[in-house]
Amino acid sequence: MANILHPQYITNEAGEKTAVILPIDEFQELLEDIDDLAAVADRRSEPTVSHEALLAALKSDGFLSD
């Protein structure tokens, strides 16, 4: 899903943008995206598991039924 931002800008006397105003829901979505990207970066070096192995583990732990 593409995020569409609706920023408003505060400018100085010279017309240069100095700050951004975002609707709170868009700001919160950006914070969630940053958290997600940080989690991905932190886990980048972890080993991967195949989809089949994940399904088997979930089934053996009782989280999925056959």
C-alpha atoms as a PDB file:
ATOM      1  CA  MET A   1       0.000   0.000   0.000  1.00  0.00           C
ATOM      2  CA  ALA A   2       1.448   3.337  -0.990  1.00  0.00           C
ATOM      3  CA  ASN A   3       1.353   6.031   1.615  1.00  0.00           C
ATOM      4  CA  ILE A   4       0.086   9.329   0.314  1.00  0.00           C
ATOM      5  CA  LEU A   5       1.143  12.214   2.500  1.00  0.00           C
ATOM      6  CA  HIS A   6      -0.578  15.547   2.707  1.00  0.00           C
ATOM      7  CA  PRO A   7       2.094  17.806   4.151  1.00  0.00           C
ATOM      8  CA  GLN A   8       1.762  21.485   4.861  1.00  0.00           C
ATOM      9  CA  TYR A   9       4.871  23.604   5.187  1.00  0.00           C
ATOM     10  CA  ILE A  10       5.910  26.438   7.432  1.00  0.00           C
ATOM     11  CA  THR A  11       8.183  28.886   5.679  1.00  0.00           C
ATOM     12  CA  ASN A  12      10.455  31.655   6.845  1.00  0.00           C
ATOM     13  CA  GLU A  13      10.389  35.238   5.591  1.00  0.00           C
ATOM     14  CA  ALA A  14      12.468  34.209   2.551  1.00  0.00           C
ATOM     15  CA  GLY A  15       9.917  31.568   1.577  1.00  0.00           C
ATOM     16  CA  GLU A  16      12.217  28.678   2.534  1.00  0.00           C
ATOM     17  CA  LYS A  17      10.541  25.639   4.044  1.00  0.00           C
ATOM     18  CA  THR A  18      11.518  25.294   7.696  1.00  0.00           C
ATOM     19  CA  ALA A  19       9.017  22.777   9.071  1.00  0.00           C
ATOM     20  CA  VAL A  20       6.366  20.276   8.033  1.00  0.00           C
ATOM     21  CA  ILE A  21       2.883  19.747   9.380  1.00  0.00           C
ATOM     22  CA  LEU A  22       1.243  16.348   8.815  1.00  0.00           C
ATOM     23  CA  PRO A  23      -2.156  15.030   9.857  1.00  0.00           C
ATOM     24  CA  ILE A  24      -1.636  12.957  13.014  1.00  0.00           C
ATOM     25  CA  ASP A  25      -2.749   9.697  11.373  1.00  0.00           C
ATOM     26  CA  GLU A  26      -0.157  10.119   8.617  1.00  0.00           C
ATOM     27  CA  PHE A  27       2.508  10.932  11.211  1.00  0.00           C
ATOM     28  CA  GLN A  28       1.641   7.820  13.216  1.00  0.00           C
ATOM     29  CA  GLU A  29       1.820   5.677  10.061  1.00  0.00           C
ATOM     30  CA  LEU A  30       5.294   7.072   9.357  1.00  0.00           C
ATOM     31  CA  LEU A  31       6.400   6.191  12.900  1.00  0.00           C
ATOM     32  CA  GLU A  32       5.076   2.641  12.446  1.00  0.00           C
ATOM     33  CA  ASP A  33       6.949   2.360   9.142  1.00  0.00           C
ATOM     34  CA  ILE A  34      10.158   3.498  10.846  1.00  0.00           C
ATOM     35  CA  ASP A  35       9.652   0.909  13.601  1.00  0.00           C
ATOM     36  CA  ASP A  36       9.073  -1.800  10.986  1.00  0.00           C
ATOM     37  CA  LEU A  37      12.206  -0.834   9.064  1.00  0.00           C
ATOM     38  CA  ALA A  38      14.252  -0.836  12.282  1.00  0.00           C
ATOM     39  CA  ALA A  39      12.990  -4.347  13.098  1.00  0.00           C
ATOM     40  CA  VAL A  40      13.931  -5.559   9.618  1.00  0.00           C
ATOM     41  CA  ALA A  41      17.393  -4.028   9.942  1.00  0.00           C
ATOM     42  CA  ASP A  42      17.887  -5.607  13.378  1.00  0.00           C
ATOM     43  CA  ARG A  43      16.893  -9.047  12.079  1.00  0.00           C
ATOM     44  CA  ARG A  44      18.756  -8.814   8.780  1.00  0.00           C
ATOM     45  CA  SER A  45      21.459 -11.254   9.853  1.00  0.00           C
ATOM     46  CA  GLU A  46      19.094 -13.879  11.299  1.00  0.00           C
ATOM     47  CA  PRO A  47      18.835 -17.158   9.418  1.00  0.00           C
ATOM     48  CA  THR A  48      15.806 -17.649   7.200  1.00  0.00           C
ATOM     49  CA  VAL A  49      13.236 -20.434   7.472  1.00  0.00           C
ATOM     50  CA  SER A  50      11.377 -21.925   4.536  1.00  0.00           C
ATOM     51  CA  HIS A  51       7.622 -21.503   4.335  1.00  0.00           C
ATOM     52  CA  GLU A  52       7.164 -25.252   4.671  1.00  0.00           C
ATOM     53  CA  ALA A  53       9.329 -25.375   7.812  1.00  0.00           C
ATOM     54  CA  LEU A  54       7.402 -22.483   9.327  1.00  0.00           C
ATOM     55  CA  LEU A  55       4.070 -24.171   8.646  1.00  0.00           C
ATOM     56  CA  ALA A  56       5.348 -27.431  10.146  1.00  0.00           C
ATOM     57  CA  ALA A  57       6.547 -25.627  13.285  1.00  0.00           C
ATOM     58  CA  LEU A  58       3.243 -23.782  13.674  1.00  0.00           C
ATOM     59  CA  LYS A  59       1.333 -27.045  13.292  1.00  0.00           C
ATOM     60  CA  SER A  60       3.539 -28.895  15.769  1.00  0.00           C
ATOM     61  CA  ASP A  61       3.097 -26.064  18.291  1.00  0.00           C
ATOM     62  CA  GLY A  62      -0.679 -26.197  17.856  1.00  0.00           C
ATOM     63  CA  PHE A  63      -1.061 -22.799  16.226  1.00  0.00           C
ATOM     64  CA  LEU A  64      -2.334 -24.296  12.941  1.00  0.00           C
ATOM     65  CA  SER A  65      -4.458 -27.315  12.292  1.00  0.00           C
ATOM     66  CA  ASP A  66      -3.832 -29.821   9.517  1.00  0.00           C
END
